[in-house]
């Protein structure tokens, strides 16, 4: 074995040792489920995922963590687009496939209907101990939802809507574990008050959103609101 071979194998060994050390550190003293904090999740996944996430932003010229984040969920297309604000412009970062979604086109109306809401929401909480691996809670019902629930005397419009891991949905967006790990870390780094979630029945960039037959009268206004908000997602 000549000198060049020795150097090559030494470099490979060093790289493997560094990778192993990083992974061990990421799992060191990782608490059992039910006892994890948000900080535990960040410490566990950051060494593994953060280099990849920051590279995604670097490749499109956006600082990481970004000042604002938007998740644009398209129910019919089974996709969630990740966008970040850079100055005045919104920049497309990545597309995630939705692993599972329940219900059909149309907004959520009542508890137990298994509908995924449609509208403009905010992330209001992160759950590091979700039974669906990790999850992010949305502010459903929002002001618009409550207004028409009260008008129609729907006293139980539902609650506890999340974006989460796994591939099971009962009214939430199930993203699978790999995607939710990335999104959870990104949202934590960006701070939840800076994260918007727009959920649309289909892609409004392909044409106007049309309420399905039998939907309440106000769904037309809801869809105009979604279309207006989605204008920033130009692509």
Foldseek 3Di string as FASTA:
>chain_A
DDPVVVVVVVVVVVVVVVVVVLQCQLPPPQDDFPPDDLVNLCSNCCSPQVVVVQVLCVVVPAHPPAQFWEWEAAAVVQKIWIWGDDPNAIHTRDMAGFLEADDAPDAQFFPQNLAAGAAKWFFDDKDCRDPQRIKTFIPPPDPVNVVVCVVVVHPGSDGGEIAGEDRDGSRYGHRHDVVVSNVSNSCVRNDRVRYMYGYHNHDCLVDQDDDDPPHDPCVNVRSVNSNVVCVSVPD
